[in-house]
Amino acid sequence: MSNLYRIRVTYRLQKDPEVHVVQPALRDRSSKDRIPHVYPGNRLCLFLPGVGEWRPTDSIPDTVIPWTAAWLYFYEVWLATGQCSR
């Protein structure tokens, strides 16, 4: 029942992976109701950097990809209801 999303994962050695939604573009609910849990440029906020939730030894397919799917689920709920899980 949700949209299909195309994402881009960028990873540089010893840096945190960056995830962007390529299609469809993410959108705010209104000018006052901005997309929650994103960094500038609509980079997804999937984990807290620097606290060990993700480490360079972790597998991106086993961590970042499922976290992205969960993020998109909650984004769809937020679009439909305005409720943000924090």
Protein backbone atom coordinates (compact mmCIF):
# COMPACT_ATOMS: atom_id res chain seq x y z
CA MET A 1 0.00 0.00 0.00
CA SER A 2 3.00 2.33 0.19
CA ASN A 3 5.09 3.88 -2.54
CA LEU A 4 8.05 2.08 -4.03
CA TYR A 5 11.24 3.94 -3.21
CA ARG A 6 14.60 4.09 -4.91
CA ILE A 7 17.42 4.93 -2.51
CA ARG A 8 21.10 5.80 -2.85
CA VAL A 9 23.57 4.62 -0.22
CA THR A 10 26.95 6.33 -0.23
CA TYR A 11 29.77 4.92 1.87
CA ARG A 12 33.33 6.09 2.27
CA LEU A 13 35.77 3.98 4.30
CA GLN A 14 35.70 4.79 8.01
CA LYS A 15 32.80 7.25 7.55
CA ASP A 16 29.11 6.83 8.29
CA PRO A 17 26.98 5.69 5.36
CA GLU A 18 24.66 8.31 3.89
CA VAL A 19 21.21 7.41 2.57
CA HIS A 20 19.07 9.54 0.28
CA VAL A 21 15.71 8.76 -1.27
CA VAL A 22 16.09 9.22 -5.03
CA GLN A 23 12.49 8.55 -6.11
CA PRO A 24 9.88 9.62 -5.32
CA ALA A 25 11.11 12.83 -3.73
CA LEU A 26 10.38 13.15 -0.03
CA ARG A 27 7.89 15.88 0.80
CA ASP A 28 6.81 17.90 3.80
CA ARG A 29 3.22 17.64 5.00
CA SER A 30 3.03 21.44 4.97
CA SER A 31 5.30 24.47 5.29
CA LYS A 32 5.02 24.09 9.09
CA ASP A 33 5.15 20.28 9.22
CA ARG A 34 8.62 19.41 7.95
CA ILE A 35 9.98 15.91 7.34
CA PRO A 36 11.17 14.51 10.69
CA HIS A 37 14.50 12.76 11.22
CA VAL A 38 16.44 14.09 8.25
CA TYR A 39 19.72 15.95 7.94
CA PRO A 40 20.22 18.84 5.50
CA GLY A 41 19.60 17.75 1.94
CA ASN A 42 17.03 15.20 3.16
CA ARG A 43 19.73 12.71 4.12
CA LEU A 44 17.98 10.13 6.29
CA CYS A 45 18.72 10.08 10.01
CA LEU A 46 18.93 6.34 10.66
CA PHE A 47 21.15 6.21 13.75
CA LEU A 48 23.02 8.48 16.16
CA PRO A 49 26.53 9.01 14.79
CA GLY A 50 29.44 8.48 17.10
CA VAL A 51 27.65 6.46 19.79
CA GLY A 52 28.24 2.99 18.35
CA GLU A 53 24.84 2.27 16.83
CA TRP A 54 26.64 1.74 13.52
CA ARG A 55 30.33 0.90 13.14
CA PRO A 56 32.46 0.56 9.98
CA THR A 57 32.70 -3.18 10.68
CA ASP A 58 28.90 -3.53 10.43
CA SER A 59 27.30 -4.86 7.26
CA ILE A 60 25.34 -2.19 5.37
CA PRO A 61 22.85 -4.78 3.98
CA ASP A 62 22.24 -6.10 7.49
CA THR A 63 21.89 -2.71 9.21
CA VAL A 64 21.44 0.35 7.03
CA ILE A 65 19.05 -1.22 4.52
CA PRO A 66 16.57 -2.57 7.13
CA TRP A 67 16.82 0.73 9.04
CA THR A 68 15.99 2.56 5.81
CA ALA A 69 12.94 0.35 5.25
CA ALA A 70 11.78 1.12 8.81
CA TRP A 71 12.43 4.83 8.31
CA LEU A 72 10.31 4.81 5.12
CA TYR A 73 7.49 2.96 6.93
CA PHE A 74 7.37 5.63 9.64
CA TYR A 75 7.64 8.37 7.01
CA GLU A 76 4.53 6.95 5.28
CA VAL A 77 2.69 6.83 8.63
CA TRP A 78 3.70 10.43 9.30
CA LEU A 79 2.48 11.52 5.84
CA ALA A 80 -0.90 9.85 6.44
CA THR A 81 -1.45 10.82 10.08
CA GLY A 82 0.96 13.57 11.11
CA GLN A 83 2.14 11.33 13.94
CA CYS A 84 5.89 11.02 14.34
CA SER A 85 7.46 8.17 16.29
CA ARG A 86 10.25 9.71 18.38
